[in-house]
Amino acid sequence: MSALLRVQELTAGYGAAPVLHGVDLTVPAGTILAVLGANGAGKTTLLRTLSGLLRPTHGRIRYDGTDLRATPVEQMVRLGIAHVPEGRGVVTELTVDENLRLGGLWRRDRADARRALTEVYDLFEPLARRRHHPGHQLSGGERQMLALGRALVGRPRLLLLDEPSLGLAPRVTAQIMALLRTLRDTTGLTVLLVEQNVRSALSVADQGVVMSLGRIVARDDAASLRADADLRHVYLGF
């Protein structure tokens, strides 16, 4: 299985304070990689660096053979990279439909952009019912669906997803995790999933890495990480 994303010796941070220290990652195409760890481990900083919101001070990021270190954020979107940050990022003044259309504004194939919009409504039936409602009227689960749906309208190849279960009911979390598995299996979507709900993340992931203080301290297939009691107790809190 070919690698869609390769990260080598990645160092990044804020100002003079590094947060990531020599991070190495390989993400095969069409897989889900769970990035696990406690608060402050560097998980969100990793996604922000991969999506171009934060520039690395050292290391390499290659996506499908392209060096991302100096690639503008808007070009990353065109290359097929979508980032759904923690906090959902919904434009609350806009309707559901307007939010979703934002995800496809850059696309030249307008007919396929319309098809992608229809597919998102098929995936998220609550959004279809509320397509003319403004974002501030949505529940937390619906806002998460909307943020994820907006990313999917752009037909990404790589989805960077930060804490999708945060503040959601277990039933909604289970639905979103099941959707990620379905998208991987039916469209070949590659997902980098940052998640503190370790059980949920490992239930859908193919592989996982554990971060601590900006470094990767463990990596294995998801089933092995789930079964490693010592690792779970020390780094993952269950």
Protein backbone atom coordinates (compact mmCIF):
# COMPACT_ATOMS: atom_id res chain seq x y z
CA MET A 1 0.00 0.00 0.00
CA SER A 2 1.55 3.31 -1.09
CA ALA A 3 2.04 6.18 1.35
CA LEU A 4 -0.05 9.27 0.74
CA LEU A 5 1.64 11.27 3.51
CA ARG A 6 5.21 11.08 4.79
CA VAL A 7 6.48 13.22 7.65
CA GLN A 8 10.15 13.18 8.60
CA GLU A 9 11.87 14.81 11.57
CA LEU A 10 9.12 17.41 11.88
CA THR A 11 9.78 20.20 14.37
CA ALA A 12 7.33 23.07 14.86
CA GLY A 13 5.99 25.35 17.54
CA TYR A 14 4.93 28.86 18.45
CA GLY A 15 7.55 31.58 18.52
CA ALA A 16 10.75 30.26 20.03
CA ALA A 17 9.01 27.41 21.86
CA PRO A 18 9.00 24.12 19.91
CA VAL A 19 6.01 21.84 20.47
CA LEU A 20 6.82 19.04 18.02
CA HIS A 21 10.20 17.36 18.28
CA GLY A 22 11.36 15.23 15.36
CA VAL A 23 8.01 13.65 14.50
CA ASP A 24 8.05 10.85 11.88
CA LEU A 25 4.83 9.56 10.30
CA THR A 26 3.86 7.46 7.32
CA VAL A 27 0.18 7.30 6.39
CA PRO A 28 -0.77 4.78 3.68
CA ALA A 29 -3.44 5.84 1.22
CA GLY A 30 -6.94 4.68 2.09
CA THR A 31 -6.31 4.17 5.81
CA ILE A 32 -7.27 5.80 9.09
CA LEU A 33 -4.42 6.74 11.43
CA ALA A 34 -5.42 7.65 14.99
CA VAL A 35 -3.19 10.20 16.73
CA LEU A 36 -3.63 9.72 20.46
CA GLY A 37 -2.32 11.33 23.62
CA ALA A 38 -3.17 13.55 26.56
CA ASN A 39 -3.85 17.29 26.39
CA GLY A 40 -0.65 19.12 25.53
CA ALA A 41 0.87 16.17 23.69
CA GLY A 42 1.14 18.15 20.44
CA LYS A 43 -1.68 16.52 18.48
CA THR A 44 -3.42 19.72 17.38
CA THR A 45 -0.08 21.37 16.59
CA LEU A 46 0.70 18.42 14.34
CA LEU A 47 -2.51 18.90 12.34
CA ARG A 48 -2.01 22.65 12.13
CA THR A 49 1.48 22.10 10.76
CA LEU A 50 0.37 19.52 8.23
CA SER A 51 -2.42 21.81 6.97
CA GLY A 52 -0.13 24.81 6.57
CA LEU A 53 -1.57 26.92 9.38
CA LEU A 54 1.77 26.60 11.17
CA ARG A 55 5.09 26.42 9.35
CA PRO A 56 7.68 23.87 10.52
CA THR A 57 11.11 24.97 11.62
CA HIS A 58 12.67 21.67 10.56
CA GLY A 59 11.78 18.45 8.78
CA ARG A 60 9.89 17.37 5.69
CA ILE A 61 6.21 16.92 4.81
CA ARG A 62 5.47 15.13 1.55
CA TYR A 63 1.95 14.55 0.31
CA ASP A 64 1.62 12.32 -2.74
CA GLY A 65 5.16 13.33 -3.68
CA THR A 66 4.60 17.10 -3.18
CA ASP A 67 6.67 19.02 -0.63
CA LEU A 68 4.13 20.85 1.55
CA ARG A 69 6.50 22.98 3.58
CA ALA A 70 6.14 26.07 1.37
CA THR A 71 2.79 25.24 -0.23
CA PRO A 72 0.10 27.92 0.35
CA VAL A 73 -2.94 26.77 2.31
CA GLU A 74 -5.29 27.41 -0.62
CA GLN A 75 -3.13 25.20 -2.82
CA MET A 76 -3.25 22.42 -0.22
CA VAL A 77 -7.03 22.46 -0.50
CA ARG A 78 -6.75 22.08 -4.27
CA LEU A 79 -4.35 19.17 -3.78
CA GLY A 80 -7.06 17.37 -1.80
CA ILE A 81 -6.22 18.14 1.84
CA ALA A 82 -9.08 19.13 4.17
CA HIS A 83 -8.66 20.18 7.80
CA VAL A 84 -11.59 20.11 10.24
CA PRO A 85 -10.25 21.85 13.36
CA GLU A 86 -11.34 21.34 16.93
CA GLY A 87 -14.34 23.53 17.70
CA ARG A 88 -16.04 22.75 14.38
CA GLY A 89 -15.51 26.14 12.70
CA VAL A 90 -19.08 26.63 11.45
CA VAL A 91 -20.01 30.11 10.20
CA THR A 92 -23.00 30.55 12.48
CA GLU A 93 -24.53 33.48 10.57
CA LEU A 94 -24.79 31.39 7.39
CA THR A 95 -27.32 28.66 6.71
CA VAL A 96 -26.41 24.99 6.55
CA ASP A 97 -26.59 25.11 2.77
CA GLU A 98 -24.40 28.22 2.55
CA ASN A 99 -21.82 26.65 4.88
CA LEU A 100 -21.68 23.52 2.77
CA ARG A 101 -21.33 25.45 -0.48
CA LEU A 102 -18.30 27.24 0.96
CA GLY A 103 -16.51 23.89 0.87
CA GLY A 104 -16.83 23.69 -2.91
CA LEU A 105 -16.37 27.32 -3.98
CA TRP A 106 -12.88 26.71 -5.30
CA ARG A 107 -13.87 23.74 -7.47
CA ARG A 108 -14.03 24.20 -11.24
CA ASP A 109 -16.26 21.20 -11.89
CA ARG A 110 -19.52 22.79 -10.83
CA ALA A 111 -21.62 19.78 -11.74
CA ASP A 112 -19.56 17.51 -9.49
CA ALA A 113 -19.63 20.12 -6.74
CA ARG A 114 -23.44 19.92 -6.85
CA ARG A 115 -23.26 16.12 -6.75
CA ALA A 116 -20.94 16.31 -3.75
CA LEU A 117 -23.42 18.58 -1.97
CA THR A 118 -26.23 16.10 -2.61
CA GLU A 119 -24.06 13.25 -1.32
CA VAL A 120 -23.36 15.13 1.92
CA TYR A 121 -27.09 15.64 2.48
CA ASP A 122 -27.56 11.91 1.89
CA LEU A 123 -24.86 11.14 4.47
CA PHE A 124 -26.18 13.60 7.07
CA GLU A 125 -29.96 13.47 7.02
CA PRO A 126 -30.32 15.99 9.92
CA LEU A 127 -28.53 18.58 7.76
CA ALA A 128 -30.91 17.96 4.87
CA ARG A 129 -33.84 18.70 7.16
CA ARG A 130 -32.23 21.93 8.37
CA ARG A 131 -30.52 23.13 5.21
CA HIS A 132 -32.11 26.60 5.45
CA HIS A 133 -31.43 27.06 9.16
CA PRO A 134 -28.55 29.29 10.31
CA GLY A 135 -25.61 27.61 11.99
CA HIS A 136 -26.35 29.10 15.40
CA GLN A 137 -29.58 27.10 15.56
CA LEU A 138 -27.82 23.74 15.23
CA SER A 139 -26.98 21.34 18.02
CA GLY A 140 -23.38 20.44 18.76
CA GLY A 141 -23.71 17.18 16.87
CA GLU A 142 -25.25 18.92 13.86
CA ARG A 143 -22.45 21.49 13.83
CA GLN A 144 -19.89 18.69 13.79
CA MET A 145 -21.75 17.06 10.90
CA LEU A 146 -21.78 20.41 9.10
CA ALA A 147 -18.05 21.00 9.57
CA LEU A 148 -17.27 17.50 8.35
CA GLY A 149 -19.76 17.80 5.48
CA ARG A 150 -18.23 21.08 4.33
CA ALA A 151 -14.84 19.38 4.12
CA LEU A 152 -16.30 16.45 2.18
CA VAL A 153 -17.92 18.73 -0.42
CA GLY A 154 -14.37 19.47 -1.59
CA ARG A 155 -13.79 15.75 -2.24
CA PRO A 156 -10.56 15.51 -0.22
CA ARG A 157 -8.10 12.67 -0.47
CA LEU A 158 -6.66 13.41 2.99
CA LEU A 159 -8.86 14.49 5.91
CA LEU A 160 -7.22 15.99 9.00
CA LEU A 161 -9.84 15.68 11.73
CA ASP A 162 -9.29 17.21 15.17
CA GLU A 163 -11.35 15.95 18.14
CA PRO A 164 -14.64 15.26 16.31
CA SER A 165 -16.24 13.72 19.40
CA LEU A 166 -15.59 16.69 21.69
CA GLY A 167 -18.78 17.54 23.59
CA LEU A 168 -20.95 15.11 21.63
CA ALA A 169 -23.31 12.44 22.87
CA PRO A 170 -21.97 8.88 22.56
CA ARG A 171 -24.59 8.03 19.92
CA VAL A 172 -23.49 10.92 17.67
CA THR A 173 -19.83 10.05 18.20
CA ALA A 174 -20.52 6.48 17.13
CA GLN A 175 -22.29 7.71 13.99
CA ILE A 176 -19.36 9.93 12.99
CA MET A 177 -16.82 7.17 13.59
CA ALA A 178 -18.89 4.74 11.54
CA LEU A 179 -19.05 7.30 8.74
CA LEU A 180 -15.26 7.60 8.68
CA ARG A 181 -14.98 3.85 8.27
CA THR A 182 -17.55 3.90 5.47
CA LEU A 183 -15.76 6.72 3.63
CA ARG A 184 -12.46 4.90 3.90
CA ASP A 185 -13.99 1.72 2.50
CA THR A 186 -16.11 3.26 -0.26
CA THR A 187 -14.09 6.27 -1.44
CA GLY A 188 -10.54 5.46 -0.36
CA LEU A 189 -10.42 8.52 1.91
CA THR A 190 -7.29 8.76 4.06
CA VAL A 191 -7.88 10.13 7.57
CA LEU A 192 -5.56 11.49 10.22
CA LEU A 193 -7.79 11.37 13.30
CA VAL A 194 -6.81 13.28 16.44
CA GLU A 195 -9.02 12.07 19.23
CA GLN A 196 -9.06 11.84 23.03
CA ASN A 197 -11.87 9.29 22.93
CA VAL A 198 -9.34 6.51 22.54
CA ARG A 199 -11.77 3.62 22.39
CA SER A 200 -13.79 5.26 19.59
CA ALA A 201 -10.70 6.20 17.61
CA LEU A 202 -9.12 2.75 17.82
CA SER A 203 -12.42 1.09 16.91
CA VAL A 204 -12.22 2.58 13.40
CA ALA A 205 -8.49 3.18 12.89
CA ASP A 206 -6.16 0.87 10.99
CA GLN A 207 -3.09 2.16 12.80
CA GLY A 208 -2.32 4.48 15.67
CA VAL A 209 0.44 6.57 17.13
CA VAL A 210 0.70 7.85 20.68
CA MET A 211 2.17 11.29 21.32
CA SER A 212 3.64 12.63 24.53
CA LEU A 213 5.27 16.04 24.92
CA GLY A 214 5.57 16.55 21.20
CA ARG A 215 7.12 13.18 20.41
CA ILE A 216 5.73 9.90 19.14
CA VAL A 217 6.30 7.35 21.89
CA ALA A 218 4.45 4.38 20.37
CA ARG A 219 3.07 3.25 17.02
CA ASP A 220 1.33 0.04 16.03
CA ASP A 221 -1.79 -1.33 14.43
CA ALA A 222 -4.97 -0.26 16.23
CA ALA A 223 -5.76 -3.68 17.68
CA SER A 224 -2.30 -3.99 19.26
CA LEU A 225 -2.50 -0.53 20.82
CA ARG A 226 -5.93 -1.35 22.20
CA ALA A 227 -4.58 -4.54 23.77
CA ASP A 228 -1.45 -2.98 25.31
CA ALA A 229 -2.55 -2.43 28.91
CA ASP A 230 0.70 -0.79 30.07
CA LEU A 231 0.65 1.72 27.21
CA ARG A 232 -3.00 2.52 27.82
CA HIS A 233 -2.47 3.13 31.52
CA VAL A 234 0.65 5.29 31.11
CA TYR A 235 -0.33 7.44 28.13
CA LEU A 236 -4.00 7.06 27.36
CA GLY A 237 -5.71 7.02 30.73
CA PHE A 238 -7.79 3.85 30.57
